Protein backbone atom coordinates (compact mmCIF):
# COMPACT_ATOMS: atom_id res chain seq x y z
CA MET A 1 78.30 105.63 132.85
CA SER A 2 79.42 103.62 130.25
CA HIS A 3 76.95 101.23 128.97
CA PRO A 4 78.31 97.42 128.90
CA HIS A 5 76.93 97.15 124.96
CA VAL A 6 78.98 100.54 123.72
CA ALA A 7 82.22 100.50 123.05
CA ALA A 8 82.05 104.36 122.50
CA THR A 9 80.73 107.52 122.09
CA VAL A 10 81.19 110.00 118.81
CA ALA A 11 79.35 113.37 119.74
CA GLY A 12 77.18 111.38 122.11
CA LEU A 13 76.12 108.66 120.06
CA GLY A 14 77.20 105.24 120.94
CA VAL A 15 79.47 102.83 118.46
CA PRO A 16 77.71 99.32 119.74
CA VAL A 17 80.22 96.43 120.82
CA ALA A 18 78.43 94.15 118.11
CA ASP A 19 79.88 96.82 115.76
CA VAL A 20 83.17 95.96 116.90
CA ASP A 21 82.28 92.45 116.99
CA GLU A 22 81.25 92.72 113.26
CA ARG A 23 84.58 94.79 112.15
CA GLU A 24 86.40 91.99 113.56
CA ALA A 25 84.60 88.97 112.16
CA ALA A 26 85.12 90.73 108.49
CA LEU A 27 88.59 90.90 108.93
CA ARG A 28 88.82 87.52 110.10
CA ASN A 29 87.28 86.11 107.23
CA SER A 30 89.06 88.15 105.59
CA MET A 31 92.87 87.09 106.21
CA PRO A 32 94.51 83.94 107.05
CA ALA A 33 94.45 83.30 110.76
CA ALA A 34 98.01 83.22 110.99
CA ALA A 35 98.08 86.76 110.39
CA LEU A 36 96.17 88.20 113.01
CA PRO A 37 96.24 87.73 116.62
CA ARG A 38 94.31 84.84 118.36
CA ALA A 39 91.10 86.38 119.79
CA GLY A 40 91.02 86.99 123.67
CA THR A 41 94.91 87.88 123.74
CA SER A 42 96.43 90.49 124.69
CA GLU A 43 97.05 90.89 120.96
CA GLY A 44 93.89 89.56 120.01
CA ARG A 45 92.42 92.55 122.27
CA GLN A 46 94.51 95.32 121.03
CA LEU A 47 93.46 94.18 117.84
CA ARG A 48 89.76 95.42 118.78
CA ARG A 49 91.07 98.36 120.13
CA TRP A 50 92.56 99.45 117.01
CA LEU A 51 89.27 98.48 115.07
CA THR A 52 87.20 100.53 117.51
CA GLN A 53 89.65 103.63 116.98
CA LEU A 54 88.67 103.25 113.15
CA LEU A 55 85.10 103.11 113.57
CA VAL A 56 85.05 105.83 115.76
CA THR A 57 87.38 107.90 112.85
CA GLU A 58 84.98 106.93 110.53
CA ARG A 59 82.41 108.12 112.23
CA VAL A 60 84.04 111.29 112.99
CA ILE A 61 84.97 111.96 109.19
CA ALA A 62 81.40 111.08 108.54
CA ALA A 63 79.55 114.01 110.58
CA GLU A 64 81.89 116.42 109.68
CA ALA A 65 81.59 116.13 106.14
CA VAL A 66 77.97 116.20 106.56
CA ASP A 67 78.95 119.70 108.62
CA ALA A 68 80.89 120.65 105.85
CA GLY A 69 78.88 119.30 102.60
CA VAL A 70 81.87 117.24 101.44
CA THR A 71 80.31 113.95 99.57
CA SER A 72 82.63 111.42 98.19
CA MET A 73 81.81 112.64 94.58
CA GLY A 74 85.12 113.31 92.64
CA ALA A 75 87.31 111.80 95.86
CA THR A 76 91.26 111.24 95.06
CA ALA A 77 93.02 108.13 94.55
CA GLU A 78 94.10 106.92 97.48
CA SER A 79 97.22 106.16 95.91
CA ARG A 80 97.52 110.00 95.52
CA LEU A 81 97.13 110.84 98.83
CA LEU A 82 99.11 107.69 100.03
CA PRO A 83 102.18 106.98 97.57
CA ASP A 84 104.09 104.95 99.51
CA ASP A 85 104.56 103.12 103.34
CA SER A 86 106.28 106.35 104.49
CA ALA A 87 103.06 108.41 103.99
CA ARG A 88 101.13 105.50 105.39
CA LEU A 89 103.65 105.73 108.89
CA GLU A 90 103.43 110.03 108.80
CA ILE A 91 99.38 109.77 109.04
CA GLY A 92 99.48 107.16 111.02
CA SER A 93 97.44 103.38 110.44
CA ILE A 94 94.08 104.34 111.90
CA ALA A 95 94.07 107.38 109.49
CA ALA A 96 95.57 105.43 106.44
CA ALA A 97 92.62 102.67 106.92
CA ALA A 98 90.38 105.20 107.29
CA LEU A 99 91.52 106.90 103.58
CA ALA A 100 89.90 103.69 102.04
CA ASP A 101 87.12 105.24 102.01
CA PRO A 102 86.12 107.69 99.03
CA LEU A 103 84.24 110.11 101.43
CA ALA A 104 87.47 110.54 103.88
CA ARG A 105 89.60 111.24 100.79
CA ALA A 106 87.30 114.03 100.40
CA MET A 107 87.18 115.65 103.48
CA TYR A 108 91.09 115.18 103.74
CA ALA A 109 91.01 117.28 100.39
CA HIS A 110 88.62 119.59 102.03
CA VAL A 111 90.84 119.82 104.95
CA THR A 112 94.18 120.38 103.35
CA ALA A 113 92.92 122.37 100.68
CA ASN A 114 94.60 125.59 101.83
CA VAL A 115 97.99 123.64 102.73
CA GLU A 116 100.76 124.76 100.76
CA VAL A 117 104.86 124.89 100.74
CA ASP A 118 106.62 128.16 99.29
CA ASP A 119 109.60 128.54 97.38
CA ALA A 120 112.44 128.85 100.17
CA ASP A 121 111.04 125.41 101.66
CA VAL A 122 111.20 123.90 98.21
CA ALA A 123 115.07 125.25 97.59
CA ASP A 124 115.72 124.92 101.51
CA TYR A 125 115.03 120.80 101.00
CA HIS A 126 117.03 120.75 97.46
CA ALA A 127 119.63 122.71 99.65
CA ARG A 128 119.77 119.56 102.05
CA ASN A 129 119.04 116.81 100.01
CA PRO A 130 120.49 117.43 96.59
CA SER A 131 120.49 114.21 95.30
CA ARG A 132 116.55 113.12 96.52
CA PHE A 133 114.97 113.50 93.19
CA ALA A 134 118.15 112.71 90.77
CA GLN A 135 117.47 109.74 87.94
CA PRO A 136 119.17 106.46 87.77
CA SER A 137 121.62 106.26 85.26
CA ASP A 138 122.36 102.94 82.92
CA ILE A 139 125.45 101.71 82.90
CA GLY A 140 124.72 99.18 80.54
CA ASN A 141 123.69 95.00 80.62
CA GLY A 142 120.59 96.21 82.26
CA TRP A 143 121.94 97.95 85.27
CA ARG A 144 121.36 101.22 86.94
CA THR A 145 122.63 103.05 89.34
CA ALA A 146 122.00 106.45 91.34
CA THR A 147 123.54 109.50 89.31
CA LEU A 148 126.68 111.21 90.60
CA GLU A 149 125.66 114.26 90.00
CA ALA A 150 122.49 116.00 91.80
CA PRO A 151 120.47 117.46 89.48
CA PRO A 152 119.72 121.47 89.68
CA LEU A 153 117.09 122.76 91.58
CA ASP A 154 114.97 123.93 88.39
CA ALA A 155 114.96 120.21 87.53
CA VAL A 156 113.37 118.85 90.32
CA ARG A 157 111.27 121.88 91.93
CA THR A 158 108.07 120.56 91.05
CA LEU A 159 108.90 117.30 92.43
CA ILE A 160 110.67 118.40 95.68
CA ALA A 161 106.81 121.18 95.88
CA ASP A 162 104.61 117.52 95.30
CA HIS A 163 106.76 116.05 97.91
CA LEU A 164 106.17 118.66 100.65
CA ARG A 165 103.06 119.57 99.96
CA GLY A 166 101.95 115.88 100.26
CA ALA A 167 103.76 115.52 103.45
CA ALA A 168 102.30 118.68 104.88
CA ARG A 169 98.35 118.21 103.98
CA ARG A 170 99.31 114.29 105.55
CA ARG A 171 100.17 116.18 108.98
CA ALA A 172 97.44 118.83 108.82
CA PHE A 173 95.16 116.07 108.39
CA ARG A 174 96.35 113.97 111.19
CA LEU A 175 96.38 117.05 113.12
CA TRP A 176 92.85 117.93 112.22
CA LEU A 177 91.78 114.65 113.06
CA ASP A 178 93.28 114.27 116.03
CA ALA A 179 91.52 117.52 117.43
CA ARG A 180 88.24 116.26 116.06
CA ARG A 181 88.62 113.11 117.78
CA ALA A 182 89.67 114.41 121.53
CA GLU A 183 86.61 116.29 121.12
CA GLN A 184 84.11 114.18 120.03
CA VAL A 185 85.35 110.84 121.18
CA ARG A 186 85.10 108.65 124.38
CA LEU A 187 85.88 105.37 124.79
CA ALA A 188 84.62 102.99 127.49
CA PRO A 189 86.70 100.95 129.67
CA GLY A 190 88.63 97.76 127.77
CA TYR A 191 88.27 99.89 124.34
CA GLU A 192 90.80 102.33 125.27
CA HIS A 193 93.64 103.38 122.76
CA PRO A 194 95.78 100.67 121.61
CA GLY A 195 98.72 102.98 122.49
CA ASP A 196 97.18 104.13 126.08
CA PRO A 197 99.76 103.27 128.54
CA ARG A 198 97.13 102.78 131.53
CA GLN A 199 95.31 99.98 130.06
CA PRO A 200 96.68 96.68 130.83
CA ASP A 201 97.23 95.35 127.29
CA ASN A 202 99.95 98.39 126.25
CA THR A 203 103.08 96.39 126.02
CA HIS A 204 105.26 99.19 125.10
CA ARG A 205 107.44 100.56 127.79
CA HIS A 206 110.27 102.86 128.38
């Protein structure tokens, strides 16, 4: 039976509704009112569900870091792990938000340390996307345009490897995090995942 003052549990430990309230208040105090849904609306409840997901994710990562002996010391910069909007979409908004914390980034490095790509993957990517990393050409008068000539594989091998490795590591971390949350997290009614089709505020329909 769920407790009315608990939004979720992580490994049996409660996440108080008050913590969701506090996180929501901090968010609303840091952003213009027009940028966020009004409290009490369907969209406002979805925001609280999203914040609950972020809170439980932070707790899962913190507990796993303790078990693994990982600390935030020397954590990689957030911009290295999530260099653009595409990377944030790949990993998901909740994981992306969690990675603002250095401890989460250190855990990311720990979880994905052995994820690599091989030369065959790099060569295959180049064959399918020969101009992906072509440098723009200067056509004069301050204008630059994509070059028409695809660079040879050796010229872009490192760039492709970094690109593929980053994508593979984001996927590995997302899958690891999904598995840990499925194992440890239980959500109270009203605090379900925003995308759960069973909850009444999920407006995504097929």
